[in-house]
Structure formats: structure tokens, C-alpha cells
Amino acid sequence: MTQQTQNQPNNPLHGITLEQIIIILVERYGWDELSRNIPIRCFSLDPSVKSSLKFLRQTPWARTKVEALYLASLHTD
């Protein structure tokens, strides 16, 4: 186990990038369902991973909602 892994062994977000989270959510829900779950323009108006990353990196409250949806989706598999 690496030092970094030892520091956060119970953090399900550890080691996964925001880009990976968005891709996983889009594959699971699609852009339409994602924009219904989290009503932000980058998901509903000409959505792309690139535009979503830009917005979410600048908007902590939205990133928190995306991370929460990702975590919730882990428990529904």
C-alpha cells in the first residue's frame, strides 16, 4: 500500500478524478437525467465533459452535488 492510500483508505473519492466521475455519471444516467438530478446549465445546454469540468472546478457547491450523486450511485449497483 502506498503512503497516499494509507492516508485515506476509506475515502471512496480518493484516486478518482473529477473527469472520471463525470464520465461514469454520463454513462450511467446520460446528460438528460444528469441535468434533472443536478439542474446546472453545463449538463443541460450543449453538454460536454470539457464544459462540465470547467464549471465544476470553479463552482464548489456544484462539484459537491456531483460527487454526492457519484457516491450515491456506488450504493445502487
N, C-alpha and C. Protein backbone atom coordinates (compact mmCIF):
# COMPACT_ATOMS: atom_id res chain seq x y z
N MET A 1 0.85 -1.18 0.00
CA MET A 1 0.00 0.00 0.00
C MET A 1 0.89 1.25 0.00
N THR A 2 0.54 2.23 -0.83
CA THR A 2 1.34 3.45 -0.87
C THR A 2 0.99 4.34 0.31
N GLN A 3 1.84 5.29 0.56
CA GLN A 3 1.62 6.23 1.65
C GLN A 3 0.31 7.00 1.44
N GLN A 4 0.06 7.41 0.19
CA GLN A 4 -1.16 8.17 -0.10
C GLN A 4 -2.40 7.32 0.16
N THR A 5 -2.39 6.07 -0.22
CA THR A 5 -3.52 5.18 0.00
C THR A 5 -3.74 4.95 1.49
N GLN A 6 -2.67 4.85 2.24
CA GLN A 6 -2.78 4.64 3.68
C GLN A 6 -3.42 5.84 4.36
N ASN A 7 -3.21 7.03 3.83
CA ASN A 7 -3.76 8.24 4.45
C ASN A 7 -5.28 8.33 4.30
N GLN A 8 -5.85 7.73 3.27
CA GLN A 8 -7.28 7.85 3.02
C GLN A 8 -7.89 6.51 2.59
N PRO A 9 -7.73 5.49 3.40
CA PRO A 9 -8.19 4.16 2.98
C PRO A 9 -9.71 4.04 2.85
N ASN A 10 -10.49 4.88 3.52
CA ASN A 10 -11.94 4.78 3.48
C ASN A 10 -12.61 5.88 2.66
N ASN A 11 -11.83 6.64 1.92
CA ASN A 11 -12.38 7.73 1.11
C ASN A 11 -12.68 7.20 -0.30
N PRO A 12 -13.96 7.02 -0.65
CA PRO A 12 -14.30 6.46 -1.96
C PRO A 12 -13.95 7.39 -3.13
N LEU A 13 -13.70 8.67 -2.87
CA LEU A 13 -13.31 9.59 -3.93
C LEU A 13 -11.80 9.63 -4.15
N HIS A 14 -11.06 9.02 -3.25
CA HIS A 14 -9.61 9.03 -3.35
C HIS A 14 -9.15 8.26 -4.59
N GLY A 15 -8.35 8.91 -5.39
CA GLY A 15 -7.79 8.25 -6.56
C GLY A 15 -8.64 8.35 -7.82
N ILE A 16 -9.78 8.99 -7.75
CA ILE A 16 -10.63 9.15 -8.93
C ILE A 16 -10.72 10.63 -9.26
N THR A 17 -10.57 10.95 -10.53
CA THR A 17 -10.59 12.36 -10.94
C THR A 17 -12.02 12.83 -11.18
N LEU A 18 -12.18 14.13 -11.19
CA LEU A 18 -13.48 14.72 -11.49
C LEU A 18 -13.92 14.31 -12.89
N GLU A 19 -12.99 14.26 -13.82
CA GLU A 19 -13.31 13.85 -15.19
C GLU A 19 -13.86 12.42 -15.20
N GLN A 20 -13.23 11.52 -14.46
CA GLN A 20 -13.71 10.14 -14.39
C GLN A 20 -15.12 10.08 -13.80
N ILE A 21 -15.37 10.89 -12.78
CA ILE A 21 -16.69 10.92 -12.14
C ILE A 21 -17.74 11.35 -13.15
N ILE A 22 -17.46 12.41 -13.91
CA ILE A 22 -18.42 12.90 -14.90
C ILE A 22 -18.69 11.83 -15.96
N ILE A 23 -17.64 11.21 -16.46
CA ILE A 23 -17.80 10.18 -17.49
C ILE A 23 -18.64 9.02 -16.96
N ILE A 24 -18.37 8.59 -15.76
CA ILE A 24 -19.14 7.49 -15.16
C ILE A 24 -20.61 7.87 -15.01
N LEU A 25 -20.87 9.09 -14.53
CA LEU A 25 -22.26 9.53 -14.36
C LEU A 25 -22.99 9.66 -15.69
N VAL A 26 -22.30 10.16 -16.71
CA VAL A 26 -22.92 10.29 -18.03
C VAL A 26 -23.22 8.91 -18.60
N GLU A 27 -22.31 7.96 -18.42
CA GLU A 27 -22.56 6.60 -18.90
C GLU A 27 -23.74 5.97 -18.17
N ARG A 28 -23.86 6.26 -16.91
CA ARG A 28 -24.93 5.65 -16.10
C ARG A 28 -26.28 6.32 -16.34
N TYR A 29 -26.31 7.66 -16.34
CA TYR A 29 -27.57 8.40 -16.39
C TYR A 29 -27.85 9.07 -17.73
N GLY A 30 -26.83 9.42 -18.46
CA GLY A 30 -27.00 10.25 -19.66
C GLY A 30 -27.11 11.71 -19.25
N TRP A 31 -26.90 12.61 -20.22
CA TRP A 31 -26.92 14.04 -19.91
C TRP A 31 -28.29 14.51 -19.45
N ASP A 32 -29.36 13.99 -20.07
CA ASP A 32 -30.71 14.44 -19.71
C ASP A 32 -31.04 14.13 -18.25
N GLU A 33 -30.82 12.90 -17.85
CA GLU A 33 -31.10 12.50 -16.46
C GLU A 33 -30.17 13.22 -15.49
N LEU A 34 -28.93 13.39 -15.89
CA LEU A 34 -27.96 14.10 -15.04
C LEU A 34 -28.42 15.54 -14.81
N SER A 35 -28.92 16.18 -15.86
CA SER A 35 -29.38 17.58 -15.70
C SER A 35 -30.67 17.66 -14.88
N ARG A 36 -31.45 16.58 -14.85
CA ARG A 36 -32.64 16.56 -13.98
C ARG A 36 -32.22 16.37 -12.52
N ASN A 37 -31.21 15.56 -12.28
CA ASN A 37 -30.72 15.33 -10.92
C ASN A 37 -29.98 16.54 -10.37
N ILE A 38 -29.19 17.17 -11.22
CA ILE A 38 -28.42 18.35 -10.82
C ILE A 38 -28.66 19.41 -11.90
N PRO A 39 -29.62 20.31 -11.67
CA PRO A 39 -30.01 21.27 -12.71
C PRO A 39 -29.01 22.42 -12.88
N ILE A 40 -27.96 22.14 -13.62
CA ILE A 40 -26.98 23.17 -13.96
C ILE A 40 -26.82 23.19 -15.47
N ARG A 41 -26.55 24.37 -16.01
CA ARG A 41 -26.53 24.57 -17.46
C ARG A 41 -25.50 23.70 -18.18
N CYS A 42 -24.37 23.44 -17.56
CA CYS A 42 -23.35 22.67 -18.26
C CYS A 42 -23.79 21.23 -18.51
N PHE A 43 -24.85 20.78 -17.84
CA PHE A 43 -25.41 19.45 -18.07
C PHE A 43 -26.60 19.49 -19.04
N SER A 44 -27.23 20.64 -19.18
CA SER A 44 -28.46 20.70 -19.98
C SER A 44 -28.32 21.45 -21.29
N LEU A 45 -27.40 22.38 -21.39
CA LEU A 45 -27.26 23.21 -22.58
C LEU A 45 -25.95 22.88 -23.29
N ASP A 46 -26.03 22.13 -24.37
CA ASP A 46 -24.86 21.69 -25.14
C ASP A 46 -23.80 21.06 -24.22
N PRO A 47 -24.18 19.99 -23.52
CA PRO A 47 -23.29 19.41 -22.52
C PRO A 47 -22.05 18.74 -23.12
N SER A 48 -20.96 18.83 -22.38
CA SER A 48 -19.73 18.12 -22.73
C SER A 48 -18.93 17.92 -21.45
N VAL A 49 -18.04 16.96 -21.48
CA VAL A 49 -17.19 16.73 -20.32
C VAL A 49 -16.33 17.95 -20.07
N LYS A 50 -15.78 18.54 -21.15
CA LYS A 50 -14.89 19.70 -21.02
C LYS A 50 -15.59 20.89 -20.36
N SER A 51 -16.81 21.21 -20.83
CA SER A 51 -17.52 22.37 -20.24
C SER A 51 -17.92 22.08 -18.80
N SER A 52 -18.27 20.83 -18.52
CA SER A 52 -18.64 20.46 -17.16
C SER A 52 -17.45 20.58 -16.22
N LEU A 53 -16.29 20.10 -16.67
CA LEU A 53 -15.09 20.21 -15.85
C LEU A 53 -14.77 21.66 -15.52
N LYS A 54 -14.84 22.51 -16.53
CA LYS A 54 -14.53 23.93 -16.31
C LYS A 54 -15.46 24.54 -15.26
N PHE A 55 -16.76 24.28 -15.41
CA PHE A 55 -17.73 24.84 -14.46
C PHE A 55 -17.55 24.25 -13.07
N LEU A 56 -17.44 22.94 -12.97
CA LEU A 56 -17.37 22.29 -11.66
C LEU A 56 -16.10 22.63 -10.89
N ARG A 57 -15.02 22.86 -11.61
CA ARG A 57 -13.76 23.24 -10.94
C ARG A 57 -13.85 24.64 -10.35
N GLN A 58 -14.75 25.46 -10.89
CA GLN A 58 -14.90 26.84 -10.41
C GLN A 58 -16.07 27.02 -9.46
N THR A 59 -16.86 25.95 -9.27
CA THR A 59 -18.11 26.09 -8.52
C THR A 59 -18.21 24.97 -7.48
N PRO A 60 -17.67 25.21 -6.28
CA PRO A 60 -17.61 24.16 -5.26
C PRO A 60 -18.96 23.52 -4.91
N TRP A 61 -20.05 24.31 -4.83
CA TRP A 61 -21.34 23.73 -4.45
C TRP A 61 -21.81 22.73 -5.50
N ALA A 62 -21.56 23.02 -6.78
CA ALA A 62 -21.98 22.10 -7.84
C ALA A 62 -21.12 20.84 -7.84
N ARG A 63 -19.83 21.01 -7.61
CA ARG A 63 -18.94 19.85 -7.55
C ARG A 63 -19.35 18.93 -6.40
N THR A 64 -19.73 19.51 -5.28
CA THR A 64 -20.18 18.72 -4.14
C THR A 64 -21.41 17.89 -4.51
N LYS A 65 -22.34 18.48 -5.25
CA LYS A 65 -23.54 17.75 -5.67
C LYS A 65 -23.19 16.61 -6.62
N VAL A 66 -22.26 16.84 -7.53
CA VAL A 66 -21.84 15.81 -8.48
C VAL A 66 -21.15 14.67 -7.73
N GLU A 67 -20.28 15.01 -6.80
CA GLU A 67 -19.60 13.97 -6.02
C GLU A 67 -20.60 13.18 -5.19
N ALA A 68 -21.60 13.86 -4.64
CA ALA A 68 -22.62 13.17 -3.84
C ALA A 68 -23.44 12.21 -4.71
N LEU A 69 -23.79 12.63 -5.92
CA LEU A 69 -24.52 11.75 -6.82
C LEU A 69 -23.67 10.55 -7.20
N TYR A 70 -22.40 10.78 -7.45
CA TYR A 70 -21.49 9.67 -7.76
C TYR A 70 -21.43 8.68 -6.60
N LEU A 71 -21.28 9.18 -5.38
CA LEU A 71 -21.23 8.30 -4.21
C LEU A 71 -22.53 7.53 -4.03
N ALA A 72 -23.66 8.20 -4.26
CA ALA A 72 -24.96 7.53 -4.15
C ALA A 72 -25.09 6.45 -5.21
N SER A 73 -24.53 6.70 -6.40
CA SER A 73 -24.62 5.72 -7.48
C SER A 73 -23.79 4.47 -7.18
N LEU A 74 -22.79 4.60 -6.34
CA LEU A 74 -21.98 3.44 -5.96
C LEU A 74 -22.78 2.45 -5.13
N HIS A 75 -23.75 2.96 -4.40
CA HIS A 75 -24.55 2.13 -3.49
C HIS A 75 -25.78 1.54 -4.15
N THR A 76 -26.03 1.88 -5.40
CA THR A 76 -27.21 1.36 -6.09
C THR A 76 -26.87 0.29 -7.12
N ASP A 77 -25.62 -0.10 -7.17
CA ASP A 77 -25.22 -1.17 -8.12
C ASP A 77 -25.60 -2.52 -7.63
